[in-house]
């Protein structure tokens, strides 16, 4: 005779699954019984004008009228947006490694450090050179590009 293919572990897993199913069914029946005893219906939560949750509905007289034309959908075009930063910034080269081809520039206005790669240089630079540059978003933050000596 061949042995059964069902192992002890499989039997235990099946017992646990059936037990969970029974518990779920009991909870469902308990919720139904509670709903019959307490027929208030669904409880509501309202949001007031300050964004707080309340149990009373908001006053319709306090409602603000919003015109559909005033709602802006999407991202405004580039010419519509204000220029956030000037095109050319000035700074000082704090570190540059020619063998590895990268370095850092410290902004003269806000003292922030920006990464610069040799591919973003318009002319060769050395440490402590004063330079002008533009910023572009890179993978890990803002990068200095189009770097020139002053």
N, C-alpha and C. Protein backbone atom coordinates (compact mmCIF):
# COMPACT_ATOMS: atom_id res chain seq x y z
N UNK A 1 0.83 -1.17 0.00
CA UNK A 1 0.00 0.00 0.00
C UNK A 1 0.87 1.24 0.00
N UNK A 2 0.40 2.25 -0.73
CA UNK A 2 1.14 3.52 -0.81
C UNK A 2 0.73 4.43 0.35
N UNK A 3 1.68 5.22 0.80
CA UNK A 3 1.41 6.16 1.87
C UNK A 3 0.64 7.37 1.34
N UNK A 4 -0.10 8.00 2.17
CA UNK A 4 -0.84 9.20 1.78
C UNK A 4 0.14 10.33 1.47
N UNK A 5 -0.17 11.15 0.46
CA UNK A 5 0.69 12.26 0.07
C UNK A 5 0.52 13.47 0.98
N UNK A 6 -0.51 13.48 1.82
CA UNK A 6 -0.78 14.60 2.71
C UNK A 6 0.14 14.51 3.93
N UNK A 7 0.93 15.54 4.13
CA UNK A 7 1.87 15.53 5.26
C UNK A 7 1.21 16.17 6.47
N UNK A 8 1.88 16.02 7.59
CA UNK A 8 1.38 16.59 8.85
C UNK A 8 1.27 18.11 8.73
N UNK A 9 2.26 18.74 8.09
CA UNK A 9 2.28 20.19 7.94
C UNK A 9 1.09 20.66 7.11
N UNK A 10 0.75 19.94 6.06
CA UNK A 10 -0.39 20.31 5.21
C UNK A 10 -1.69 20.22 5.99
N UNK A 11 -1.80 19.22 6.83
CA UNK A 11 -3.01 19.04 7.64
C UNK A 11 -3.15 20.20 8.62
N UNK A 12 -2.03 20.59 9.25
CA UNK A 12 -2.06 21.72 10.19
C UNK A 12 -2.44 23.02 9.49
N UNK A 13 -1.90 23.26 8.30
CA UNK A 13 -2.24 24.48 7.55
C UNK A 13 -3.72 24.50 7.19
N UNK A 14 -4.25 23.36 6.82
CA UNK A 14 -5.68 23.28 6.47
C UNK A 14 -6.54 23.56 7.69
N UNK A 15 -6.14 23.03 8.88
CA UNK A 15 -6.88 23.29 10.11
C UNK A 15 -6.88 24.78 10.44
N UNK A 16 -5.74 25.45 10.31
CA UNK A 16 -5.64 26.87 10.58
C UNK A 16 -6.52 27.67 9.63
N UNK A 17 -6.53 27.29 8.36
CA UNK A 17 -7.34 28.00 7.36
C UNK A 17 -8.82 27.87 7.69
N UNK A 18 -9.25 26.67 8.05
CA UNK A 18 -10.66 26.45 8.40
C UNK A 18 -11.03 27.22 9.67
N UNK A 19 -10.10 27.28 10.64
CA UNK A 19 -10.36 28.01 11.89
C UNK A 19 -10.51 29.50 11.60
N UNK A 20 -9.66 30.06 10.74
CA UNK A 20 -9.78 31.47 10.36
C UNK A 20 -11.11 31.74 9.68
N UNK A 21 -11.52 30.85 8.81
CA UNK A 21 -12.78 31.02 8.10
C UNK A 21 -13.96 31.02 9.08
N UNK A 22 -13.91 30.12 10.07
CA UNK A 22 -14.99 30.07 11.07
C UNK A 22 -15.01 31.35 11.90
N UNK A 23 -13.83 31.85 12.31
CA UNK A 23 -13.77 33.09 13.09
C UNK A 23 -14.31 34.27 12.29
N UNK A 24 -13.99 34.32 11.04
CA UNK A 24 -14.48 35.40 10.18
C UNK A 24 -16.00 35.35 10.07
N UNK A 25 -16.54 34.13 9.92
CA UNK A 25 -17.99 33.97 9.83
C UNK A 25 -18.66 34.40 11.14
N UNK A 26 -18.07 34.04 12.29
CA UNK A 26 -18.62 34.44 13.59
C UNK A 26 -18.64 35.96 13.73
N UNK A 27 -17.54 36.64 13.34
CA UNK A 27 -17.48 38.10 13.41
C UNK A 27 -18.55 38.73 12.52
N UNK A 28 -18.76 38.14 11.35
CA UNK A 28 -19.77 38.67 10.42
C UNK A 28 -21.16 38.56 11.04
N UNK A 29 -21.45 37.41 11.65
CA UNK A 29 -22.75 37.21 12.29
C UNK A 29 -22.93 38.15 13.47
N UNK A 30 -21.86 38.40 14.23
CA UNK A 30 -21.93 39.31 15.37
C UNK A 30 -22.23 40.73 14.90
N UNK A 31 -21.62 41.16 13.80
CA UNK A 31 -21.90 42.50 13.26
C UNK A 31 -23.35 42.62 12.81
N UNK A 32 -23.87 41.55 12.18
CA UNK A 32 -25.28 41.56 11.75
C UNK A 32 -26.21 41.67 12.95
N UNK A 33 -25.91 40.91 14.02
CA UNK A 33 -26.75 40.94 15.22
C UNK A 33 -26.68 42.32 15.87
N UNK A 34 -25.51 42.94 15.90
CA UNK A 34 -25.37 44.27 16.48
C UNK A 34 -26.13 45.30 15.66
N UNK A 35 -26.15 45.15 14.36
CA UNK A 35 -26.87 46.09 13.50
C UNK A 35 -28.38 45.98 13.73
N UNK A 36 -28.87 44.79 14.03
CA UNK A 36 -30.31 44.62 14.30
C UNK A 36 -30.67 45.25 15.65
N UNK A 37 -29.78 45.13 16.65
CA UNK A 37 -30.03 45.69 17.97
C UNK A 37 -29.94 47.22 17.97
N UNK A 38 -29.05 47.77 17.18
CA UNK A 38 -28.79 49.21 17.16
C UNK A 38 -29.09 49.75 15.76
N UNK A 39 -30.35 50.03 15.45
CA UNK A 39 -30.73 50.40 14.07
C UNK A 39 -30.52 51.89 13.76
N UNK A 40 -29.43 52.49 14.20
CA UNK A 40 -29.17 53.90 13.90
C UNK A 40 -28.72 54.08 12.46
N UNK A 41 -28.24 53.08 11.84
CA UNK A 41 -27.77 53.20 10.47
C UNK A 41 -26.29 53.53 10.44
N UNK A 42 -25.89 54.07 9.33
CA UNK A 42 -24.49 54.40 9.13
C UNK A 42 -24.17 55.72 9.82
N UNK A 43 -23.07 55.73 10.57
CA UNK A 43 -22.62 56.95 11.22
C UNK A 43 -21.84 57.79 10.21
N UNK A 44 -22.07 59.11 10.21
CA UNK A 44 -21.39 60.00 9.28
C UNK A 44 -20.40 60.88 10.02
N UNK A 45 -19.37 61.26 9.32
CA UNK A 45 -18.41 62.25 9.81
C UNK A 45 -18.35 63.34 8.76
N UNK A 46 -18.46 64.59 9.18
CA UNK A 46 -18.42 65.72 8.28
C UNK A 46 -17.12 66.48 8.49
N UNK A 47 -16.71 67.20 7.48
CA UNK A 47 -15.52 68.03 7.57
C UNK A 47 -15.98 69.48 7.59
N UNK A 48 -15.59 70.23 8.64
CA UNK A 48 -16.00 71.63 8.72
C UNK A 48 -15.09 72.50 7.86
N UNK A 49 -15.27 73.81 7.92
CA UNK A 49 -14.54 74.73 7.05
C UNK A 49 -13.07 74.83 7.42
N UNK A 50 -12.70 74.41 8.61
CA UNK A 50 -11.30 74.42 9.05
C UNK A 50 -10.61 73.09 8.78
N UNK A 51 -11.33 72.11 8.23
CA UNK A 51 -10.76 70.81 7.95
C UNK A 51 -10.83 69.84 9.09
N UNK A 52 -11.60 70.16 10.16
CA UNK A 52 -11.74 69.26 11.31
C UNK A 52 -12.95 68.35 11.12
N UNK A 53 -12.88 67.12 11.65
CA UNK A 53 -14.00 66.19 11.57
C UNK A 53 -15.03 66.53 12.65
N UNK A 54 -16.30 66.57 12.26
CA UNK A 54 -17.39 66.83 13.21
C UNK A 54 -18.52 65.86 12.93
N UNK A 55 -19.47 65.78 13.88
CA UNK A 55 -20.62 64.91 13.67
C UNK A 55 -21.84 65.69 13.20
N UNK A 56 -21.72 67.02 13.05
CA UNK A 56 -22.83 67.84 12.55
C UNK A 56 -22.52 68.29 11.13
N UNK A 57 -23.51 68.31 10.26
CA UNK A 57 -23.26 68.73 8.88
C UNK A 57 -22.93 70.22 8.82
N UNK A 58 -22.17 70.64 7.81
CA UNK A 58 -21.79 72.05 7.71
C UNK A 58 -22.99 72.92 7.35
N UNK A 59 -22.93 74.20 7.74
CA UNK A 59 -24.00 75.15 7.46
C UNK A 59 -23.95 75.55 5.99
N UNK A 60 -25.03 75.33 5.21
CA UNK A 60 -25.00 75.67 3.79
C UNK A 60 -24.85 77.17 3.54
N UNK A 61 -25.20 78.01 4.50
CA UNK A 61 -25.08 79.46 4.32
C UNK A 61 -23.61 79.89 4.29
N UNK A 62 -22.72 79.11 4.88
CA UNK A 62 -21.29 79.45 4.93
C UNK A 62 -20.53 78.97 3.69
N UNK A 63 -21.22 78.34 2.77
CA UNK A 63 -20.58 77.77 1.57
C UNK A 63 -20.04 78.89 0.69
N UNK A 64 -18.82 78.71 0.16
CA UNK A 64 -18.21 79.69 -0.73
C UNK A 64 -18.49 79.31 -2.16
N UNK A 65 -18.73 80.31 -2.98
CA UNK A 65 -18.98 80.10 -4.40
C UNK A 65 -17.64 80.15 -5.13
N UNK A 66 -17.31 79.10 -5.89
CA UNK A 66 -16.06 79.04 -6.64
C UNK A 66 -16.41 78.94 -8.10
N UNK A 67 -15.82 79.81 -8.91
CA UNK A 67 -16.08 79.77 -10.34
C UNK A 67 -15.17 78.73 -10.98
N UNK A 68 -15.72 77.96 -11.90
CA UNK A 68 -14.96 76.88 -12.53
C UNK A 68 -13.79 77.43 -13.34
N UNK A 69 -13.92 78.64 -13.91
CA UNK A 69 -12.83 79.20 -14.72
C UNK A 69 -11.61 79.55 -13.89
N UNK A 70 -11.81 79.79 -12.59
CA UNK A 70 -10.69 80.17 -11.73
C UNK A 70 -9.83 78.97 -11.31
N UNK A 71 -10.31 77.76 -11.53
CA UNK A 71 -9.55 76.57 -11.16
C UNK A 71 -8.60 76.23 -12.29
N UNK A 72 -7.30 76.17 -11.97
CA UNK A 72 -6.29 75.89 -12.97
C UNK A 72 -5.92 74.41 -12.93
N UNK A 73 -6.09 73.74 -14.05
CA UNK A 73 -5.75 72.33 -14.14
C UNK A 73 -4.44 72.17 -14.89
N UNK A 74 -3.59 71.29 -14.39
CA UNK A 74 -2.33 71.01 -15.07
C UNK A 74 -1.22 71.93 -14.61
N UNK A 75 -0.12 71.85 -15.32
CA UNK A 75 1.06 72.62 -15.00
C UNK A 75 1.11 73.82 -15.94
N UNK A 76 1.32 75.03 -15.42
CA UNK A 76 1.38 76.18 -16.30
C UNK A 76 2.57 76.08 -17.25
N UNK A 77 2.44 76.68 -18.42
CA UNK A 77 3.52 76.66 -19.40
C UNK A 77 4.71 77.43 -18.87
N UNK A 78 5.89 77.15 -19.44
CA UNK A 78 7.12 77.76 -18.94
C UNK A 78 7.08 79.28 -18.98
N UNK A 79 6.55 79.86 -20.03
CA UNK A 79 6.53 81.32 -20.11
C UNK A 79 5.57 81.93 -19.09
N UNK A 80 4.58 81.16 -18.60
CA UNK A 80 3.64 81.65 -17.60
C UNK A 80 4.26 81.66 -16.20
N UNK A 81 5.18 80.74 -15.94
CA UNK A 81 5.79 80.64 -14.62
C UNK A 81 6.82 81.72 -14.42
N UNK A 82 6.98 82.14 -13.18
CA UNK A 82 8.00 83.11 -12.84
C UNK A 82 9.35 82.43 -12.85
N UNK A 83 10.36 83.17 -13.21
CA UNK A 83 11.72 82.64 -13.16
C UNK A 83 12.14 82.61 -11.70
N UNK A 84 12.42 81.41 -11.17
CA UNK A 84 12.73 81.27 -9.75
C UNK A 84 14.14 81.73 -9.42
N UNK A 85 15.09 81.42 -10.27
CA UNK A 85 16.47 81.74 -9.99
C UNK A 85 17.08 82.41 -11.22
N UNK A 86 18.03 83.30 -11.03
CA UNK A 86 18.65 83.93 -12.18
C UNK A 86 19.39 82.88 -13.02
N UNK A 87 19.50 83.14 -14.31
CA UNK A 87 20.10 82.15 -15.22
C UNK A 87 21.56 81.90 -14.88
N UNK A 88 22.35 82.96 -14.73
CA UNK A 88 23.77 82.78 -14.42
C UNK A 88 24.01 83.10 -12.95
N UNK A 89 24.65 82.16 -12.28
CA UNK A 89 25.01 82.36 -10.87
C UNK A 89 26.52 82.44 -10.78
N UNK A 90 26.97 83.03 -9.70
CA UNK A 90 28.41 83.14 -9.48
C UNK A 90 28.81 82.33 -8.25
N UNK A 91 30.01 81.80 -8.28
CA UNK A 91 30.50 81.03 -7.15
C UNK A 91 31.99 80.82 -7.24
N UNK A 92 32.49 80.00 -6.32
CA UNK A 92 33.91 79.72 -6.23
C UNK A 92 34.10 78.21 -6.22
N UNK A 93 35.09 77.72 -6.95
CA UNK A 93 35.38 76.28 -7.00
C UNK A 93 36.04 75.90 -5.70
N UNK A 94 35.36 75.06 -4.89
CA UNK A 94 35.94 74.67 -3.61
C UNK A 94 36.80 73.41 -3.75
N UNK A 95 36.48 72.57 -4.73
CA UNK A 95 37.23 71.33 -4.92
C UNK A 95 37.05 70.90 -6.36
N UNK A 96 38.13 70.43 -7.00
CA UNK A 96 37.99 69.84 -8.33
C UNK A 96 39.09 68.82 -8.53
N UNK A 97 38.73 67.60 -8.88
CA UNK A 97 39.68 66.51 -9.09
C UNK A 97 39.73 66.23 -10.60
N UNK A 98 40.85 66.59 -11.24
CA UNK A 98 40.97 66.41 -12.69
C UNK A 98 41.04 64.94 -13.08
N UNK A 99 41.63 64.09 -12.21
CA UNK A 99 41.75 62.68 -12.55
C UNK A 99 40.39 61.98 -12.56
N UNK A 100 39.49 62.40 -11.66
CA UNK A 100 38.16 61.79 -11.60
C UNK A 100 37.13 62.58 -12.40
N UNK A 101 37.41 63.86 -12.67
CA UNK A 101 36.54 64.64 -13.54
C UNK A 101 35.33 65.25 -12.87
N UNK A 102 35.41 65.53 -11.58
CA UNK A 102 34.28 66.17 -10.91
C UNK A 102 34.78 67.08 -9.81
N UNK A 103 33.87 67.93 -9.31
CA UNK A 103 34.22 68.81 -8.21
C UNK A 103 32.98 69.47 -7.65
N UNK A 104 33.19 70.53 -6.84
CA UNK A 104 32.09 71.23 -6.20
C UNK A 104 32.30 72.72 -6.30
N UNK A 105 31.20 73.45 -6.47
CA UNK A 105 31.21 74.90 -6.51
C UNK A 105 30.37 75.41 -5.36
N UNK A 106 30.88 76.41 -4.62
CA UNK A 106 30.12 77.04 -3.55
C UNK A 106 29.52 78.32 -4.08
N UNK A 107 28.21 78.46 -3.97
CA UNK A 107 27.50 79.65 -4.43
C UNK A 107 27.92 80.85 -3.59
N UNK A 108 28.14 82.00 -4.24
CA UNK A 108 28.58 83.19 -3.51
C UNK A 108 27.44 83.85 -2.75
N UNK A 109 26.17 83.57 -3.12
CA UNK A 109 25.04 84.21 -2.46
C UNK A 109 24.57 83.42 -1.24
N UNK A 110 24.23 82.14 -1.46
CA UNK A 110 23.65 81.36 -0.36
C UNK A 110 24.58 80.29 0.22
N UNK A 111 25.83 80.24 -0.22
CA UNK A 111 26.85 79.32 0.30
C UNK A 111 26.47 77.84 0.15
N UNK A 112 25.64 77.51 -0.82
CA UNK A 112 25.31 76.10 -1.07
C UNK A 112 26.35 75.49 -1.99
N UNK A 113 26.59 74.18 -1.80
CA UNK A 113 27.53 73.45 -2.65
C UNK A 113 26.77 72.79 -3.79
N UNK A 114 27.31 72.90 -5.01
CA UNK A 114 26.73 72.26 -6.18
C UNK A 114 27.78 71.39 -6.84
N UNK A 115 27.35 70.21 -7.26
CA UNK A 115 28.22 69.26 -7.94
C UNK A 115 28.48 69.77 -9.35
N UNK A 116 29.71 69.59 -9.83
CA UNK A 116 30.04 69.93 -11.22
C UNK A 116 30.84 68.78 -11.81
N UNK A 117 30.49 68.41 -13.05
CA UNK A 117 31.17 67.34 -13.76
C UNK A 117 31.97 67.96 -14.89
N UNK A 118 33.02 67.29 -15.31
CA UNK A 118 33.88 67.80 -16.37
C UNK A 118 33.08 68.02 -17.67
N UNK A 119 32.01 67.28 -17.86
CA UNK A 119 31.19 67.45 -19.08
C UNK A 119 30.39 68.75 -19.04
N UNK A 120 30.26 69.37 -17.87
CA UNK A 120 29.53 70.63 -17.74
C UNK A 120 30.41 71.86 -17.81
N UNK A 121 31.70 71.67 -18.11
CA UNK A 121 32.64 72.79 -18.16
C UNK A 121 32.74 73.34 -19.58
N UNK A 122 32.80 74.67 -19.70
CA UNK A 122 33.04 75.30 -20.99
C UNK A 122 34.54 75.58 -21.17
N UNK A 123 35.26 75.72 -20.08
CA UNK A 123 36.72 75.90 -20.10
C UNK A 123 37.30 75.28 -18.84
N UNK A 124 38.59 74.93 -18.86
CA UNK A 124 39.18 74.27 -17.69
C UNK A 124 39.15 75.18 -16.46
N UNK A 125 38.94 74.55 -15.29
CA UNK A 125 38.89 75.31 -14.03
C UNK A 125 39.83 74.68 -13.03
N UNK A 126 40.21 75.47 -12.04
CA UNK A 126 41.06 75.01 -10.94
C UNK A 126 40.37 75.37 -9.63
N UNK A 127 40.90 74.85 -8.52
CA UNK A 127 40.37 75.19 -7.21
C UNK A 127 40.56 76.68 -6.95
N UNK A 128 39.62 77.29 -6.22
CA UNK A 128 39.61 78.71 -5.84
C UNK A 128 39.37 79.64 -7.02
N UNK A 129 39.00 79.14 -8.21
CA UNK A 129 38.63 80.01 -9.32
C UNK A 129 37.23 80.55 -9.09
N UNK A 130 37.00 81.81 -9.47
CA UNK A 130 35.64 82.37 -9.45
C UNK A 130 35.03 82.04 -10.80
N UNK A 131 33.79 81.51 -10.75
CA UNK A 131 33.14 81.03 -11.97
C UNK A 131 31.68 81.49 -12.04
N UNK A 132 31.14 81.48 -13.26
CA UNK A 132 29.70 81.65 -13.45
C UNK A 132 29.18 80.31 -13.96
N UNK A 133 27.94 80.00 -13.60
CA UNK A 133 27.37 78.71 -13.97
C UNK A 133 25.85 78.79 -13.98
N UNK A 134 25.24 77.76 -14.52
CA UNK A 134 23.79 77.60 -14.48
C UNK A 134 23.50 76.30 -13.76
N UNK A 135 22.28 76.18 -13.22
CA UNK A 135 21.90 74.97 -12.49
C UNK A 135 20.93 74.14 -13.30
N UNK A 136 21.11 72.85 -13.24
CA UNK A 136 20.18 71.88 -13.83
C UNK A 136 19.95 70.78 -12.82
N UNK A 137 18.75 70.21 -12.86
CA UNK A 137 18.42 69.12 -11.94
C UNK A 137 19.08 67.84 -12.45
N UNK A 138 19.83 67.21 -11.55
CA UNK A 138 20.47 65.94 -11.87
C UNK A 138 19.79 64.81 -11.12
N UNK A 139 20.38 63.62 -11.16
CA UNK A 139 19.79 62.46 -10.48
C UNK A 139 19.78 62.63 -8.97
N UNK A 140 20.81 63.28 -8.42
CA UNK A 140 20.92 63.39 -6.96
C UNK A 140 20.84 64.83 -6.48
N UNK A 141 20.27 65.73 -7.28
CA UNK A 141 20.16 67.12 -6.86
C UNK A 141 20.55 68.05 -7.97
N UNK A 142 20.81 69.29 -7.58
CA UNK A 142 21.15 70.31 -8.57
C UNK A 142 22.63 70.19 -8.95
N UNK A 143 22.91 70.31 -10.28
CA UNK A 143 24.26 70.25 -10.81
C UNK A 143 24.59 71.56 -11.49
N UNK A 144 25.84 71.99 -11.37
CA UNK A 144 26.32 73.18 -12.08
C UNK A 144 26.70 72.76 -13.49
N UNK A 145 26.19 73.51 -14.48
CA UNK A 145 26.50 73.25 -15.88
C UNK A 145 26.89 74.57 -16.55
N UNK A 146 27.49 74.47 -17.73
CA UNK A 146 27.94 75.64 -18.48
C UNK A 146 28.80 76.56 -17.60
N UNK A 147 29.83 75.94 -17.00
CA UNK A 147 30.70 76.62 -16.06
C UNK A 147 31.81 77.34 -16.80
N UNK A 148 31.99 78.66 -16.51
CA UNK A 148 33.04 79.48 -17.11
C UNK A 148 33.76 80.25 -16.03
N UNK A 149 35.05 80.50 -16.24
CA UNK A 149 35.82 81.36 -15.33
C UNK A 149 35.38 82.79 -15.53
N UNK A 150 35.48 83.57 -14.44
CA UNK A 150 35.20 85.01 -14.54
C UNK A 150 36.49 85.73 -14.85
